Protein backbone atom coordinates (compact mmCIF):
# COMPACT_ATOMS: atom_id res chain seq x y z
CA MET A 1 -36.40 -94.03 -82.52
CA THR A 2 -38.38 -96.98 -81.50
CA GLY A 3 -37.76 -100.63 -80.90
CA ALA A 4 -34.64 -102.49 -80.78
CA GLY A 5 -32.78 -99.50 -82.55
CA GLY A 6 -33.90 -96.96 -80.21
CA ALA A 7 -32.80 -99.02 -77.11
CA ALA A 8 -29.58 -99.61 -78.52
CA ALA A 9 -28.97 -95.98 -79.05
CA MET A 10 -29.91 -95.10 -75.79
CA ARG A 11 -27.38 -97.74 -74.25
CA LEU A 12 -24.72 -96.20 -76.16
CA ILE A 13 -25.46 -92.60 -75.05
CA GLY A 14 -25.46 -93.68 -71.14
CA ALA A 15 -22.14 -95.45 -71.83
CA ASP A 16 -20.46 -92.22 -73.15
CA GLU A 17 -21.69 -90.38 -70.12
CA GLU A 18 -20.13 -93.04 -67.61
CA ILE A 19 -16.62 -93.07 -69.41
CA PRO A 20 -13.94 -91.92 -66.96
CA VAL A 21 -11.37 -89.13 -67.79
CA ASP A 22 -8.13 -90.90 -68.05
CA THR A 23 -5.16 -88.53 -67.11
CA SER A 24 -1.64 -89.67 -68.26
CA ARG A 25 0.58 -90.95 -65.26
CA VAL A 26 3.84 -88.94 -66.07
CA PRO A 27 1.85 -85.33 -66.03
CA ALA A 28 0.28 -86.35 -62.84
CA ARG A 29 3.41 -87.39 -61.17
CA GLU A 30 5.23 -84.10 -62.21
CA ALA A 31 2.34 -82.12 -60.95
CA ALA A 32 2.46 -84.01 -57.49
CA ARG A 33 6.17 -83.49 -57.47
CA ASP A 34 5.80 -79.74 -58.21
CA GLU A 35 3.30 -79.27 -55.65
CA LEU A 36 5.42 -81.19 -52.78
CA SER A 37 8.59 -79.15 -53.53
CA ASP A 38 7.08 -76.18 -52.06
CA PRO A 39 9.05 -75.33 -48.99
CA MET A 40 5.81 -75.13 -46.79
CA TYR A 41 5.93 -78.75 -46.88
CA HIS A 42 9.54 -79.19 -45.46
CA GLU A 43 9.74 -76.78 -42.56
CA HIS A 44 10.15 -79.53 -40.01
CA ASP A 45 12.04 -81.96 -41.95
CA PRO A 46 15.29 -83.18 -40.00
CA ASN A 47 18.49 -81.68 -41.59
CA LEU A 48 21.43 -83.50 -42.85
CA LEU A 49 23.17 -84.46 -39.72
CA GLU A 50 20.02 -85.47 -38.17
CA ARG A 51 19.29 -87.70 -40.95
CA GLY A 52 22.73 -88.98 -40.89
CA LEU A 53 22.44 -89.90 -37.14
CA ASP A 54 18.94 -91.49 -37.60
CA ARG A 55 20.64 -93.78 -40.36
CA PHE A 56 23.40 -94.78 -38.13
CA TRP A 57 21.11 -95.73 -35.15
CA ASP A 58 18.94 -97.41 -37.47
CA TRP A 59 22.13 -99.48 -38.77
CA ILE A 60 22.99 -100.16 -35.19
CA GLY A 61 19.64 -101.45 -34.32
CA ASP A 62 19.84 -103.86 -37.36
CA LEU A 63 23.16 -104.98 -36.41
CA PHE A 64 21.95 -106.04 -33.09
CA ALA A 65 18.53 -106.78 -33.74
CA GLY A 66 19.01 -110.70 -33.57
CA ALA A 67 21.28 -110.65 -30.62
CA ALA A 68 19.70 -108.17 -28.26
CA PRO A 69 16.80 -109.61 -26.40
CA GLY A 70 14.24 -107.13 -25.47
CA GLY A 71 14.67 -104.66 -28.39
CA PRO A 72 16.43 -101.18 -27.69
CA LEU A 73 16.37 -101.53 -23.93
CA GLY A 74 18.26 -104.81 -24.32
CA LEU A 75 20.75 -103.09 -26.67
CA VAL A 76 21.29 -100.50 -24.19
CA VAL A 77 22.02 -103.19 -21.65
CA ILE A 78 24.48 -104.89 -23.82
CA VAL A 79 26.31 -101.70 -24.31
CA LEU A 80 26.62 -100.87 -20.87
CA ALA A 81 27.94 -104.28 -20.06
CA VAL A 82 30.70 -104.09 -22.66
CA VAL A 83 31.56 -100.65 -21.39
CA GLY A 84 31.68 -101.77 -17.64
CA LEU A 85 33.83 -104.89 -18.75
CA ALA A 86 36.37 -102.83 -20.49
CA ALA A 87 36.65 -100.28 -17.70
CA ALA A 88 37.31 -103.29 -15.33
CA LEU A 89 40.06 -104.69 -17.54
CA TRP A 90 41.60 -101.28 -17.78
CA TRP A 91 41.54 -100.98 -13.92
CA ARG A 92 43.13 -104.49 -13.74
CA LEU A 93 45.66 -104.48 -16.11
CA GLY A 94 46.58 -100.87 -15.64
CA THR A 95 47.72 -98.44 -18.51
CA PRO A 96 49.29 -100.16 -21.16
CA ARG A 97 52.61 -98.39 -22.15
CA ARG A 98 54.02 -100.63 -24.68
CA THR A 99 53.06 -103.95 -26.56
CA ALA A 100 53.59 -107.04 -24.72
CA ARG A 101 56.53 -109.18 -25.89
CA SER A 102 58.48 -112.35 -24.97
CA PRO A 103 60.63 -111.92 -21.56
CA GLU A 104 64.02 -111.08 -22.28
CA THR A 105 67.11 -111.07 -20.10
CA LEU A 106 67.06 -110.01 -16.58
CA PHE A 107 70.05 -107.68 -16.36
CA GLY A 108 70.85 -106.85 -20.07
CA SER A 109 74.11 -105.22 -20.27
CA THR A 110 74.43 -103.87 -16.73
CA ALA A 111 77.18 -105.30 -14.41
CA ARG A 112 76.16 -103.81 -11.05
CA GLY A 113 76.10 -105.70 -7.74
CA ALA A 114 73.20 -106.61 -5.58
CA ALA A 115 73.88 -103.49 -3.40
CA ASP A 116 73.79 -101.10 -6.26
CA HIS A 117 70.58 -102.52 -7.34
CA ARG A 118 69.23 -102.32 -3.82
CA ALA A 119 70.05 -98.75 -3.65
CA ALA A 120 68.62 -97.89 -6.97
CA ALA A 121 65.41 -99.67 -5.91
CA SER A 122 65.22 -97.82 -2.56
CA ALA A 123 65.52 -94.29 -4.60
CA HIS A 124 63.04 -95.30 -6.91
CA ALA A 125 60.69 -96.36 -4.05
CA GLU A 126 61.07 -92.79 -2.22
CA ALA A 127 60.17 -91.06 -5.41
CA GLN A 128 56.94 -93.64 -5.51
CA ARG A 129 58.19 -94.97 -8.90
CA TRP A 130 57.22 -98.48 -8.00
CA THR A 131 57.64 -99.83 -11.50
CA GLU A 132 61.26 -99.01 -11.58
CA ALA A 133 61.71 -100.04 -7.76
CA VAL A 134 59.96 -103.55 -8.50
CA GLN A 135 62.58 -104.14 -11.31
CA GLU A 136 65.64 -102.98 -9.51
CA ARG A 137 64.94 -104.96 -6.27
CA MET A 138 64.13 -108.23 -8.52
CA ARG A 139 67.72 -107.58 -10.20
CA ALA A 140 69.38 -107.24 -6.61
CA LEU A 141 67.59 -110.34 -5.38
CA VAL A 142 68.98 -112.36 -8.36
CA ARG A 143 72.33 -110.75 -8.18
CA ALA A 144 72.63 -111.76 -4.57
CA LEU A 145 71.74 -115.32 -5.25
CA GLU A 146 74.58 -115.15 -7.70
CA ASP A 147 77.08 -113.69 -5.16
CA ARG A 148 76.36 -116.43 -2.68
CA ALA A 149 76.89 -119.12 -5.55
CA VAL A 150 73.26 -120.28 -5.19
CA LEU A 151 72.91 -119.43 -8.88
CA ASP A 152 75.65 -119.50 -11.38
CA PRO A 153 76.33 -116.19 -12.97
CA ARG A 154 74.64 -116.32 -16.47
CA PRO A 155 74.28 -113.11 -18.47
CA GLY A 156 71.32 -114.20 -20.48
CA ARG A 157 69.25 -115.60 -17.83
CA THR A 158 65.71 -114.40 -17.58
CA ALA A 159 63.59 -113.76 -14.24
CA ASP A 160 61.74 -116.75 -14.86
CA GLU A 161 64.76 -118.97 -15.14
CA ALA A 162 66.28 -117.50 -12.17
CA ALA A 163 62.98 -118.13 -10.01
CA ALA A 164 62.80 -121.58 -11.17
CA GLU A 165 66.46 -122.49 -10.49
CA ALA A 166 66.44 -120.78 -6.97
CA GLY A 167 63.10 -122.42 -6.31
CA ARG A 168 64.61 -125.76 -6.76
CA LEU A 169 67.36 -125.15 -4.28
CA MET A 170 64.83 -123.30 -1.61
CA PRO A 171 61.65 -125.00 -2.29
CA ALA A 172 60.11 -123.08 0.84
CA HIS A 173 60.33 -119.96 -1.22
CA ALA A 174 59.59 -121.43 -4.51
CA ALA A 175 56.08 -120.06 -5.06
CA ARG A 176 56.90 -116.63 -3.92
CA LEU A 177 59.92 -116.57 -6.28
CA ARG A 178 57.74 -117.51 -9.26
CA GLU A 179 55.33 -114.65 -8.31
CA ALA A 180 58.18 -112.27 -8.14
CA ALA A 181 59.47 -113.33 -11.53
CA ARG A 182 55.89 -112.87 -12.81
CA ALA A 183 55.67 -109.43 -11.35
CA PHE A 184 58.98 -108.51 -12.82
CA ASP A 185 57.86 -109.57 -16.17
CA ASP A 186 54.64 -107.81 -16.05
CA VAL A 187 56.22 -104.47 -15.51
CA ALA A 188 59.39 -104.78 -17.45
CA TYR A 189 57.67 -106.44 -20.53
CA GLY A 190 53.92 -106.52 -20.16
CA GLY A 191 53.39 -102.96 -19.82
CA ARG A 192 51.61 -103.12 -16.43
CA SER A 193 52.36 -100.69 -13.56
CA ALA A 194 53.56 -101.85 -10.13
CA ASP A 195 52.59 -100.83 -6.82
CA GLU A 196 53.80 -100.37 -3.38
CA ALA A 197 52.51 -103.84 -2.27
CA THR A 198 54.41 -105.61 -4.89
CA TYR A 199 57.38 -103.87 -4.00
CA LEU A 200 57.46 -104.58 -0.40
CA ALA A 201 56.76 -108.49 -1.10
CA LEU A 202 59.70 -108.26 -3.08
CA CYS A 203 61.90 -106.47 -0.32
CA THR A 204 60.47 -109.18 2.19
CA LEU A 205 61.63 -111.94 -0.39
CA ASP A 206 65.02 -110.81 -0.50
CA VAL A 207 65.60 -110.53 3.23
CA ASP A 208 64.09 -114.06 3.41
CA LEU A 209 66.35 -115.29 0.65
CA GLU A 210 69.28 -113.81 2.44
CA ALA A 211 68.59 -115.72 5.74
CA THR A 212 67.83 -119.08 4.01
CA LYS A 213 70.52 -121.67 3.15
CA PRO A 214 70.01 -123.56 0.03
CA LEU A 215 69.57 -127.30 -0.37
CA LEU A 216 72.83 -129.45 -0.60
CA ALA A 217 73.47 -131.18 -3.87
CA THR A 218 72.59 -134.37 -2.33
CA GLY A 219 69.10 -133.09 -1.88
CA THR A 220 69.06 -132.83 1.81
CA ALA A 221 68.17 -129.56 3.57
CA GLN A 222 70.99 -127.63 5.25
CA GLY A 223 67.71 -125.58 6.51
CA GLY A 224 67.15 -122.89 8.75
CA THR A 225 68.95 -119.44 8.60
CA GLY A 226 72.57 -118.46 8.95
């Protein structure tokens, strides 16, 4: 071949030699899958538990990614701070015994005198049952005020009401009466645990109230002890 025809034929022959072999995608993908299924490629893969833990920690990291400055270290600091706060609250509030509820009556259905409540409080204190001792000593304190006619006997009275009424007639002890009522509510209805110091404070208040005369109805102080 010569001339233009020969040149065209040579270009076609050269083009045929450069045409790539086109392998179908599906057979190629299946071949790769078969090759990678060989156990030798998966000897060091994590097991199911490890994969689950990895996904869990990835989820935790994503959850706090926007709120934890400093990356993983910041997340650790936040977690430790939360744990520390929970421990502090647990130590401050004591072990919860039951769900907190509204204050109820001070005496319930009991009809014992002040001496009986004091004796019960002392027995609990000797056994170091401070929660029960505090409850009984508060009942003794209020019952003694009723016996002295400082307070009118009222079966449905709460510790807060008794403290408020007695505080108006004995203003020098008003703050301590409120603290005593709060301590009673905390241990009786708030699920907190009392301690020896709270019990001794109630005993001291009970003795001080016994030695204090209430204000007269006119608002003048009888004052002193007697």
